[in-house]
Amino acid sequence: MAHRQVRVILLSPSGAPVVLVAEEELAALEQRAQRANAPALLTARERQVLLLIEQGHSTAGVAAHLGVAVGTAAQHLAAARCKYGARTSVQAAALARQAAALD
């Protein structure tokens, strides 16, 4: 027996389209959404470098303050930017502050 796909378009009272999905697909979508909305977990060092960025230090200043190589400080900052999807370290620090990760 051949399987056929049927698409049904429903509209809510407000006119918004309603999508019907299989229960297992809904569960997978909900799990992905939960992972996407999960707060970024910063390491202690990532918190330190973001706090220093927040205070106005450059990457070199962060490295000097912590007594590490500039490349090491840059790696910690890159990891923090990645966790927040930020383009800059200043933006990552602001997002971390909003998420109460720097408190």
PDB file of N, CA and C in Angstrom:
ATOM      1  N   MET A   1       0.839  -1.174   0.000  1.00  0.00           N
ATOM      2  CA  MET A   1       0.000   0.000   0.000  1.00  0.00           C
ATOM      3  C   MET A   1       0.894   1.251   0.000  1.00  0.00           C
ATOM      4  N   ALA A   2       0.627   2.153  -0.874  1.00  0.00           N
ATOM      5  CA  ALA A   2       1.396   3.395  -0.964  1.00  0.00           C
ATOM      6  C   ALA A   2       0.945   4.360   0.118  1.00  0.00           C
ATOM      7  N   HIS A   3       1.921   5.084   0.647  1.00  0.00           N
ATOM      8  CA  HIS A   3       1.616   6.102   1.656  1.00  0.00           C
ATOM      9  C   HIS A   3       1.434   7.440   0.965  1.00  0.00           C
ATOM     10  N   ARG A   4       0.438   8.143   1.376  1.00  0.00           N
ATOM     11  CA  ARG A   4       0.180   9.471   0.833  1.00  0.00           C
ATOM     12  C   ARG A   4       0.292  10.504   1.939  1.00  0.00           C
ATOM     13  N   GLN A   5       0.780  11.641   1.573  1.00  0.00           N
ATOM     14  CA  GLN A   5       0.808  12.753   2.515  1.00  0.00           C
ATOM     15  C   GLN A   5      -0.400  13.626   2.261  1.00  0.00           C
ATOM     16  N   VAL A   6      -0.996  14.041   3.325  1.00  0.00           N
ATOM     17  CA  VAL A   6      -2.139  14.939   3.233  1.00  0.00           C
ATOM     18  C   VAL A   6      -1.801  16.190   4.022  1.00  0.00           C
ATOM     19  N   ARG A   7      -2.006  17.326   3.432  1.00  0.00           N
ATOM     20  CA  ARG A   7      -1.786  18.592   4.129  1.00  0.00           C
ATOM     21  C   ARG A   7      -3.123  19.271   4.355  1.00  0.00           C
ATOM     22  N   VAL A   8      -3.321  19.671   5.574  1.00  0.00           N
ATOM     23  CA  VAL A   8      -4.547  20.368   5.938  1.00  0.00           C
ATOM     24  C   VAL A   8      -4.138  21.718   6.504  1.00  0.00           C
ATOM     25  N   ILE A   9      -4.696  22.756   5.988  1.00  0.00           N
ATOM     26  CA  ILE A   9      -4.388  24.096   6.492  1.00  0.00           C
ATOM     27  C   ILE A   9      -5.594  24.587   7.274  1.00  0.00           C
ATOM     28  N   LEU A  10      -5.347  24.864   8.544  1.00  0.00           N
ATOM     29  CA  LEU A  10      -6.382  25.400   9.415  1.00  0.00           C
ATOM     30  C   LEU A  10      -6.006  26.819   9.797  1.00  0.00           C
ATOM     31  N   LEU A  11      -6.984  27.607  10.074  1.00  0.00           N
ATOM     32  CA  LEU A  11      -6.732  28.963  10.548  1.00  0.00           C
ATOM     33  C   LEU A  11      -7.317  29.118  11.936  1.00  0.00           C
ATOM     34  N   SER A  12      -6.550  29.742  12.808  1.00  0.00           N
ATOM     35  CA  SER A  12      -7.046  30.032  14.158  1.00  0.00           C
ATOM     36  C   SER A  12      -8.064  31.164  14.063  1.00  0.00           C
ATOM     37  N   PRO A  13      -8.780  31.432  15.159  1.00  0.00           N
ATOM     38  CA  PRO A  13      -9.743  32.545  15.136  1.00  0.00           C
ATOM     39  C   PRO A  13      -9.104  33.887  14.767  1.00  0.00           C
ATOM     40  N   SER A  14      -7.790  34.018  15.057  1.00  0.00           N
ATOM     41  CA  SER A  14      -7.121  35.276  14.707  1.00  0.00           C
ATOM     42  C   SER A  14      -6.619  35.289  13.268  1.00  0.00           C
ATOM     43  N   GLY A  15      -6.781  34.157  12.566  1.00  0.00           N
ATOM     44  CA  GLY A  15      -6.337  34.092  11.181  1.00  0.00           C
ATOM     45  C   GLY A  15      -4.961  33.506  10.997  1.00  0.00           C
ATOM     46  N   ALA A  16      -4.299  33.141  12.104  1.00  0.00           N
ATOM     47  CA  ALA A  16      -2.959  32.549  12.019  1.00  0.00           C
ATOM     48  C   ALA A  16      -3.068  31.100  11.576  1.00  0.00           C
ATOM     49  N   PRO A  17      -2.148  30.644  10.712  1.00  0.00           N
ATOM     50  CA  PRO A  17      -2.197  29.245  10.292  1.00  0.00           C
ATOM     51  C   PRO A  17      -1.862  28.312  11.451  1.00  0.00           C
ATOM     52  N   VAL A  18      -2.500  27.159  11.465  1.00  0.00           N
ATOM     53  CA  VAL A  18      -2.286  26.140  12.492  1.00  0.00           C
ATOM     54  C   VAL A  18      -1.650  24.940  11.814  1.00  0.00           C
ATOM     55  N   VAL A  19      -0.588  24.415  12.405  1.00  0.00           N
ATOM     56  CA  VAL A  19       0.131  23.293  11.821  1.00  0.00           C
ATOM     57  C   VAL A  19      -0.120  22.047  12.656  1.00  0.00           C
ATOM     58  N   LEU A  20      -0.428  20.972  11.987  1.00  0.00           N
ATOM     59  CA  LEU A  20      -0.606  19.682  12.644  1.00  0.00           C
ATOM     60  C   LEU A  20       0.666  18.873  12.424  1.00  0.00           C
ATOM     61  N   VAL A  21       1.234  18.331  13.510  1.00  0.00           N
ATOM     62  CA  VAL A  21       2.424  17.486  13.386  1.00  0.00           C
ATOM     63  C   VAL A  21       2.223  16.242  14.232  1.00  0.00           C
ATOM     64  N   ALA A  22       2.969  15.207  13.889  1.00  0.00           N
ATOM     65  CA  ALA A  22       2.915  13.974  14.659  1.00  0.00           C
ATOM     66  C   ALA A  22       3.471  14.229  16.052  1.00  0.00           C
ATOM     67  N   GLU A  23       2.987  13.466  17.019  1.00  0.00           N
ATOM     68  CA  GLU A  23       3.385  13.668  18.412  1.00  0.00           C
ATOM     69  C   GLU A  23       4.892  13.557  18.603  1.00  0.00           C
ATOM     70  N   GLU A  24       5.533  12.584  17.947  1.00  0.00           N
ATOM     71  CA  GLU A  24       6.987  12.429  18.109  1.00  0.00           C
ATOM     72  C   GLU A  24       7.739  13.605  17.479  1.00  0.00           C
ATOM     73  N   GLU A  25       7.209  14.169  16.400  1.00  0.00           N
ATOM     74  CA  GLU A  25       7.829  15.348  15.802  1.00  0.00           C
ATOM     75  C   GLU A  25       7.691  16.558  16.728  1.00  0.00           C
ATOM     76  N   LEU A  26       6.548  16.683  17.369  1.00  0.00           N
ATOM     77  CA  LEU A  26       6.335  17.766  18.322  1.00  0.00           C
ATOM     78  C   LEU A  26       7.308  17.643  19.487  1.00  0.00           C
ATOM     79  N   ALA A  27       7.496  16.437  20.003  1.00  0.00           N
ATOM     80  CA  ALA A  27       8.430  16.226  21.108  1.00  0.00           C
ATOM     81  C   ALA A  27       9.846  16.621  20.698  1.00  0.00           C
ATOM     82  N   ALA A  28      10.245  16.246  19.486  1.00  0.00           N
ATOM     83  CA  ALA A  28      11.587  16.603  19.004  1.00  0.00           C
ATOM     84  C   ALA A  28      11.728  18.118  18.861  1.00  0.00           C
ATOM     85  N   LEU A  29      10.701  18.785  18.351  1.00  0.00           N
ATOM     86  CA  LEU A  29      10.733  20.244  18.226  1.00  0.00           C
ATOM     87  C   LEU A  29      10.828  20.920  19.589  1.00  0.00           C
ATOM     88  N   GLU A  30      10.073  20.408  20.562  1.00  0.00           N
ATOM     89  CA  GLU A  30      10.117  20.984  21.913  1.00  0.00           C
ATOM     90  C   GLU A  30      11.484  20.800  22.548  1.00  0.00           C
ATOM     91  N   GLN A  31      12.111  19.632  22.359  1.00  0.00           N
ATOM     92  CA  GLN A  31      13.441  19.397  22.911  1.00  0.00           C
ATOM     93  C   GLN A  31      14.462  20.345  22.297  1.00  0.00           C
ATOM     94  N   ARG A  32      14.391  20.548  20.979  1.00  0.00           N
ATOM     95  CA  ARG A  32      15.307  21.478  20.324  1.00  0.00           C
ATOM     96  C   ARG A  32      15.111  22.897  20.839  1.00  0.00           C
ATOM     97  N   ALA A  33      13.878  23.291  21.055  1.00  0.00           N
ATOM     98  CA  ALA A  33      13.592  24.639  21.565  1.00  0.00           C
ATOM     99  C   ALA A  33      14.120  24.804  22.983  1.00  0.00           C
ATOM    100  N   GLN A  34      13.992  23.778  23.807  1.00  0.00           N
ATOM    101  CA  GLN A  34      14.504  23.857  25.179  1.00  0.00           C
ATOM    102  C   GLN A  34      16.013  24.000  25.181  1.00  0.00           C
ATOM    103  N   ARG A  35      16.695  23.237  24.312  1.00  0.00           N
ATOM    104  CA  ARG A  35      18.152  23.346  24.232  1.00  0.00           C
ATOM    105  C   ARG A  35      18.563  24.730  23.751  1.00  0.00           C
ATOM    106  N   ALA A  36      17.828  25.269  22.791  1.00  0.00           N
ATOM    107  CA  ALA A  36      18.153  26.592  22.254  1.00  0.00           C
ATOM    108  C   ALA A  36      17.942  27.686  23.287  1.00  0.00           C
ATOM    109  N   ASN A  37      16.958  27.516  24.170  1.00  0.00           N
ATOM    110  CA  ASN A  37      16.659  28.527  25.182  1.00  0.00           C
ATOM    111  C   ASN A  37      17.391  28.304  26.492  1.00  0.00           C
ATOM    112  N   ALA A  38      18.158  27.226  26.580  1.00  0.00           N
ATOM    113  CA  ALA A  38      18.888  26.943  27.814  1.00  0.00           C
ATOM    114  C   ALA A  38      19.949  28.025  28.025  1.00  0.00           C
ATOM    115  N   PRO A  39      20.124  28.455  29.248  1.00  0.00           N
ATOM    116  CA  PRO A  39      21.135  29.484  29.496  1.00  0.00           C
ATOM    117  C   PRO A  39      22.536  28.955  29.214  1.00  0.00           C
ATOM    118  N   ALA A  40      23.383  29.819  28.698  1.00  0.00           N
ATOM    119  CA  ALA A  40      24.759  29.443  28.443  1.00  0.00           C
ATOM    120  C   ALA A  40      25.463  29.218  29.772  1.00  0.00           C
ATOM    121  N   LEU A  41      26.179  28.133  29.871  1.00  0.00           N
ATOM    122  CA  LEU A  41      26.932  27.835  31.087  1.00  0.00           C
ATOM    123  C   LEU A  41      28.374  28.261  30.872  1.00  0.00           C
ATOM    124  N   LEU A  42      28.768  29.319  31.536  1.00  0.00           N
ATOM    125  CA  LEU A  42      30.122  29.836  31.424  1.00  0.00           C
ATOM    126  C   LEU A  42      31.031  29.161  32.421  1.00  0.00           C
ATOM    127  N   THR A  43      32.279  28.965  32.012  1.00  0.00           N
ATOM    128  CA  THR A  43      33.277  28.502  32.969  1.00  0.00           C
ATOM    129  C   THR A  43      33.661  29.683  33.862  1.00  0.00           C
ATOM    130  N   ALA A  44      34.333  29.391  34.940  1.00  0.00           N
ATOM    131  CA  ALA A  44      34.775  30.453  35.847  1.00  0.00           C
ATOM    132  C   ALA A  44      35.679  31.439  35.107  1.00  0.00           C
ATOM    133  N   ARG A  45      36.560  30.935  34.258  1.00  0.00           N
ATOM    134  CA  ARG A  45      37.486  31.804  33.528  1.00  0.00           C
ATOM    135  C   ARG A  45      36.733  32.650  32.491  1.00  0.00           C
ATOM    136  N   GLU A  46      35.740  32.055  31.843  1.00  0.00           N
ATOM    137  CA  GLU A  46      34.942  32.837  30.891  1.00  0.00           C
ATOM    138  C   GLU A  46      34.214  33.968  31.593  1.00  0.00           C
ATOM    139  N   ARG A  47      33.712  33.696  32.790  1.00  0.00           N
ATOM    140  CA  ARG A  47      33.077  34.763  33.572  1.00  0.00           C
ATOM    141  C   ARG A  47      34.087  35.857  33.891  1.00  0.00           C
ATOM    142  N   GLN A  48      35.294  35.448  34.292  1.00  0.00           N
ATOM    143  CA  GLN A  48      36.329  36.434  34.619  1.00  0.00           C
ATOM    144  C   GLN A  48      36.641  37.326  33.428  1.00  0.00           C
ATOM    145  N   VAL A  49      36.843  36.717  32.261  1.00  0.00           N
ATOM    146  CA  VAL A  49      37.229  37.528  31.111  1.00  0.00           C
ATOM    147  C   VAL A  49      36.084  38.447  30.676  1.00  0.00           C
ATOM    148  N   LEU A  50      34.844  37.973  30.775  1.00  0.00           N
ATOM    149  CA  LEU A  50      33.722  38.838  30.407  1.00  0.00           C
ATOM    150  C   LEU A  50      33.551  39.988  31.390  1.00  0.00           C
ATOM    151  N   LEU A  51      33.793  39.727  32.663  1.00  0.00           N
ATOM    152  CA  LEU A  51      33.745  40.819  33.654  1.00  0.00           C
ATOM    153  C   LEU A  51      34.801  41.878  33.339  1.00  0.00           C
ATOM    154  N   LEU A  52      35.980  41.438  32.940  1.00  0.00           N
ATOM    155  CA  LEU A  52      37.043  42.391  32.604  1.00  0.00           C
ATOM    156  C   LEU A  52      36.704  43.157  31.326  1.00  0.00           C
ATOM    157  N   ILE A  53      36.114  42.485  30.353  1.00  0.00           N
ATOM    158  CA  ILE A  53      35.667  43.168  29.134  1.00  0.00           C
ATOM    159  C   ILE A  53      34.612  44.209  29.493  1.00  0.00           C
ATOM    160  N   GLU A  54      33.701  43.825  30.378  1.00  0.00           N
ATOM    161  CA  GLU A  54      32.643  44.735  30.830  1.00  0.00           C
ATOM    162  C   GLU A  54      33.250  45.982  31.484  1.00  0.00           C
ATOM    163  N   GLN A  55      34.378  45.812  32.140  1.00  0.00           N
ATOM    164  CA  GLN A  55      35.057  46.931  32.799  1.00  0.00           C
ATOM    165  C   GLN A  55      35.874  47.769  31.823  1.00  0.00           C
ATOM    166  N   GLY A  56      35.900  47.356  30.540  1.00  0.00           N
ATOM    167  CA  GLY A  56      36.584  48.156  29.529  1.00  0.00           C
ATOM    168  C   GLY A  56      37.950  47.666  29.120  1.00  0.00           C
ATOM    169  N   HIS A  57      38.378  46.515  29.607  1.00  0.00           N
ATOM    170  CA  HIS A  57      39.690  45.990  29.228  1.00  0.00           C
ATOM    171  C   HIS A  57      39.661  45.449  27.795  1.00  0.00           C
ATOM    172  N   SER A  58      40.776  45.567  27.117  1.00  0.00           N
ATOM    173  CA  SER A  58      40.946  44.942  25.807  1.00  0.00           C
ATOM    174  C   SER A  58      41.356  43.488  26.035  1.00  0.00           C
ATOM    175  N   THR A  59      41.473  42.731  24.960  1.00  0.00           N
ATOM    176  CA  THR A  59      41.922  41.344  25.092  1.00  0.00           C
ATOM    177  C   THR A  59      43.316  41.304  25.709  1.00  0.00           C
ATOM    178  N   ALA A  60      44.192  42.191  25.264  1.00  0.00           N
ATOM    179  CA  ALA A  60      45.533  42.253  25.829  1.00  0.00           C
ATOM    180  C   ALA A  60      45.475  42.658  27.299  1.00  0.00           C
ATOM    181  N   GLY A  61      44.590  43.566  27.634  1.00  0.00           N
ATOM    182  CA  GLY A  61      44.428  43.978  29.027  1.00  0.00           C
ATOM    183  C   GLY A  61      43.904  42.848  29.890  1.00  0.00           C
ATOM    184  N   VAL A  62      42.987  42.073  29.351  1.00  0.00           N
ATOM    185  CA  VAL A  62      42.466  40.900  30.070  1.00  0.00           C
ATOM    186  C   VAL A  62      43.611  39.926  30.336  1.00  0.00           C
ATOM    187  N   ALA A  63      44.412  39.673  29.312  1.00  0.00           N
ATOM    188  CA  ALA A  63      45.535  38.745  29.441  1.00  0.00           C
ATOM    189  C   ALA A  63      46.522  39.223  30.503  1.00  0.00           C
ATOM    190  N   ALA A  64      46.852  40.509  30.472  1.00  0.00           N
ATOM    191  CA  ALA A  64      47.788  41.060  31.448  1.00  0.00           C
ATOM    192  C   ALA A  64      47.218  40.980  32.855  1.00  0.00           C
ATOM    193  N   HIS A  65      45.939  41.299  33.002  1.00  0.00           N
ATOM    194  CA  HIS A  65      45.288  41.276  34.317  1.00  0.00           C
ATOM    195  C   HIS A  65      45.286  39.862  34.903  1.00  0.00           C
ATOM    196  N   LEU A  66      45.068  38.866  34.048  1.00  0.00           N
ATOM    197  CA  LEU A  66      45.001  37.486  34.525  1.00  0.00           C
ATOM    198  C   LEU A  66      46.343  36.764  34.512  1.00  0.00           C
ATOM    199  N   GLY A  67      47.350  37.387  33.905  1.00  0.00           N
ATOM    200  CA  GLY A  67      48.670  36.765  33.839  1.00  0.00           C
ATOM    201  C   GLY A  67      48.710  35.570  32.892  1.00  0.00           C
ATOM    202  N   VAL A  68      47.968  35.672  31.789  1.00  0.00           N
ATOM    203  CA  VAL A  68      47.950  34.600  30.784  1.00  0.00           C
ATOM    204  C   VAL A  68      48.350  35.192  29.444  1.00  0.00           C
ATOM    205  N   ALA A  69      48.608  34.330  28.476  1.00  0.00           N
ATOM    206  CA  ALA A  69      48.950  34.787  27.133  1.00  0.00           C
ATOM    207  C   ALA A  69      47.736  35.427  26.472  1.00  0.00           C
ATOM    208  N   VAL A  70      47.987  36.349  25.570  1.00  0.00           N
ATOM    209  CA  VAL A  70      46.906  37.012  24.845  1.00  0.00           C
ATOM    210  C   VAL A  70      46.061  35.973  24.100  1.00  0.00           C
ATOM    211  N   GLY A  71      46.710  34.986  23.515  1.00  0.00           N
ATOM    212  CA  GLY A  71      45.979  33.932  22.800  1.00  0.00           C
ATOM    213  C   GLY A  71      45.057  33.146  23.714  1.00  0.00           C
ATOM    214  N   THR A  72      45.480  32.934  24.947  1.00  0.00           N
ATOM    215  CA  THR A  72      44.641  32.216  25.913  1.00  0.00           C
ATOM    216  C   THR A  72      43.408  33.043  26.259  1.00  0.00           C
ATOM    217  N   ALA A  73      43.619  34.324  26.504  1.00  0.00           N
ATOM    218  CA  ALA A  73      42.487  35.209  26.796  1.00  0.00           C
ATOM    219  C   ALA A  73      41.544  35.253  25.599  1.00  0.00           C
ATOM    220  N   ALA A  74      42.106  35.314  24.401  1.00  0.00           N
ATOM    221  CA  ALA A  74      41.289  35.350  23.186  1.00  0.00           C
ATOM    222  C   ALA A  74      40.466  34.074  23.041  1.00  0.00           C
ATOM    223  N   GLN A  75      41.033  32.943  23.402  1.00  0.00           N
ATOM    224  CA  GLN A  75      40.282  31.682  23.317  1.00  0.00           C
ATOM    225  C   GLN A  75      39.118  31.661  24.299  1.00  0.00           C
ATOM    226  N   HIS A  76      39.337  32.150  25.512  1.00  0.00           N
ATOM    227  CA  HIS A  76      38.248  32.214  26.496  1.00  0.00           C
ATOM    228  C   HIS A  76      37.136  33.151  26.011  1.00  0.00           C
ATOM    229  N   LEU A  77      37.526  34.263  25.432  1.00  0.00           N
ATOM    230  CA  LEU A  77      36.545  35.203  24.910  1.00  0.00           C
ATOM    231  C   LEU A  77      35.793  34.612  23.720  1.00  0.00           C
ATOM    232  N   ALA A  78      36.507  33.900  22.858  1.00  0.00           N
ATOM    233  CA  ALA A  78      35.854  33.271  21.701  1.00  0.00           C
ATOM    234  C   ALA A  78      34.841  32.229  22.158  1.00  0.00           C
ATOM    235  N   ALA A  79      35.186  31.465  23.187  1.00  0.00           N
ATOM    236  CA  ALA A  79      34.259  30.457  23.709  1.00  0.00           C
ATOM    237  C   ALA A  79      33.001  31.125  24.277  1.00  0.00           C
ATOM    238  N   ALA A  80      33.183  32.217  24.997  1.00  0.00           N
ATOM    239  CA  ALA A  80      32.036  32.938  25.565  1.00  0.00           C
ATOM    240  C   ALA A  80      31.181  33.547  24.458  1.00  0.00           C
ATOM    241  N   ARG A  81      31.824  34.130  23.433  1.00  0.00           N
ATOM    242  CA  ARG A  81      31.059  34.688  22.313  1.00  0.00           C
ATOM    243  C   ARG A  81      30.241  33.603  21.628  1.00  0.00           C
ATOM    244  N   CYS A  82      30.842  32.458  21.443  1.00  0.00           N
ATOM    245  CA  CYS A  82      30.162  31.339  20.791  1.00  0.00           C
ATOM    246  C   CYS A  82      28.944  30.899  21.600  1.00  0.00           C
ATOM    247  N   LYS A  83      29.072  30.807  22.906  1.00  0.00           N
ATOM    248  CA  LYS A  83      27.970  30.368  23.762  1.00  0.00           C
ATOM    249  C   LYS A  83      26.785  31.311  23.700  1.00  0.00           C
ATOM    250  N   TYR A  84      27.049  32.592  23.456  1.00  0.00           N
ATOM    251  CA  TYR A  84      25.971  33.573  23.385  1.00  0.00           C
ATOM    252  C   TYR A  84      25.624  33.966  21.955  1.00  0.00           C
ATOM    253  N   GLY A  85      26.334  33.410  20.982  1.00  0.00           N
ATOM    254  CA  GLY A  85      26.074  33.774  19.597  1.00  0.00           C
ATOM    255  C   GLY A  85      26.387  35.234  19.330  1.00  0.00           C
ATOM    256  N   ALA A  86      27.368  35.754  20.051  1.00  0.00           N
ATOM    257  CA  ALA A  86      27.711  37.178  19.954  1.00  0.00           C
ATOM    258  C   ALA A  86      28.827  37.393  18.944  1.00  0.00           C
ATOM    259  N   ARG A  87      28.789  38.537  18.280  1.00  0.00           N
ATOM    260  CA  ARG A  87      29.829  38.874  17.310  1.00  0.00           C
ATOM    261  C   ARG A  87      31.045  39.502  17.993  1.00  0.00           C
ATOM    262  N   THR A  88      30.822  40.171  19.126  1.00  0.00           N
ATOM    263  CA  THR A  88      31.923  40.830  19.818  1.00  0.00           C
ATOM    264  C   THR A  88      31.941  40.398  21.282  1.00  0.00           C
ATOM    265  N   SER A  89      33.081  40.610  21.901  1.00  0.00           N
ATOM    266  CA  SER A  89      33.198  40.282  23.326  1.00  0.00           C
ATOM    267  C   SER A  89      32.351  41.214  24.176  1.00  0.00           C
ATOM    268  N   VAL A  90      32.236  42.462  23.769  1.00  0.00           N
ATOM    269  CA  VAL A  90      31.400  43.419  24.502  1.00  0.00           C
ATOM    270  C   VAL A  90      29.940  42.970  24.437  1.00  0.00           C
ATOM    271  N   GLN A  91      29.506  42.508  23.266  1.00  0.00           N
ATOM    272  CA  GLN A  91      28.136  42.010  23.129  1.00  0.00           C
ATOM    273  C   GLN A  91      27.945  40.755  23.985  1.00  0.00           C
ATOM    274  N   ALA A  92      28.934  39.869  24.022  1.00  0.00           N
ATOM    275  CA  ALA A  92      28.834  38.661  24.846  1.00  0.00           C
ATOM    276  C   ALA A  92      28.721  39.029  26.317  1.00  0.00           C
ATOM    277  N   ALA A  93      29.500  40.026  26.745  1.00  0.00           N
ATOM    278  CA  ALA A  93      29.437  40.465  28.147  1.00  0.00           C
ATOM    279  C   ALA A  93      28.051  41.035  28.467  1.00  0.00           C
ATOM    280  N   ALA A  94      27.492  41.799  27.534  1.00  0.00           N
ATOM    281  CA  ALA A  94      26.158  42.382  27.755  1.00  0.00           C
ATOM    282  C   ALA A  94      25.103  41.289  27.826  1.00  0.00           C
ATOM    283  N   LEU A  95      25.199  40.295  26.946  1.00  0.00           N
ATOM    284  CA  LEU A  95      24.239  39.190  26.963  1.00  0.00           C
ATOM    285  C   LEU A  95      24.371  38.352  28.227  1.00  0.00           C
ATOM    286  N   ALA A  96      25.609  38.146  28.666  1.00  0.00           N
ATOM    287  CA  ALA A  96      25.831  37.392  29.909  1.00  0.00           C
ATOM    288  C   ALA A  96      25.264  38.153  31.104  1.00  0.00           C
ATOM    289  N   ARG A  97      25.406  39.459  31.091  1.00  0.00           N
ATOM    290  CA  ARG A  97      24.864  40.296  32.171  1.00  0.00           C
ATOM    291  C   ARG A  97      23.335  40.199  32.175  1.00  0.00           C
ATOM    292  N   GLN A  98      22.719  40.266  31.003  1.00  0.00           N
ATOM    293  CA  GLN A  98      21.268  40.149  30.894  1.00  0.00           C
ATOM    294  C   GLN A  98      20.790  38.790  31.407  1.00  0.00           C
ATOM    295  N   ALA A  99      21.595  37.750  31.167  1.00  0.00           N
ATOM    296  CA  ALA A  99      21.213  36.394  31.579  1.00  0.00           C
ATOM    297  C   ALA A  99      21.597  36.130  33.043  1.00  0.00           C
ATOM    298  N   ALA A 100      22.103  37.146  33.729  1.00  0.00           N
ATOM    299  CA  ALA A 100      22.533  37.044  35.127  1.00  0.00           C
ATOM    300  C   ALA A 100      23.658  36.050  35.307  1.00  0.00           C
ATOM    301  N   ALA A 101      24.458  35.849  34.258  1.00  0.00           N
ATOM    302  CA  ALA A 101      25.591  34.920  34.346  1.00  0.00           C
ATOM    303  C   ALA A 101      26.818  35.581  34.946  1.00  0.00           C
ATOM    304  N   LEU A 102      26.795  36.889  35.107  1.00  0.00           N
ATOM    305  CA  LEU A 102      27.949  37.605  35.659  1.00  0.00           C
ATOM    306  C   LEU A 102      27.705  38.094  37.084  1.00  0.00           C
ATOM    307  N   ASP A 103      26.590  37.702  37.673  1.00  0.00           N
ATOM    308  CA  ASP A 103      26.276  38.130  39.032  1.00  0.00           C
ATOM    309  C   ASP A 103      27.037  37.315  40.061  1.00  0.00           C
TER     310      ASP A 103
END
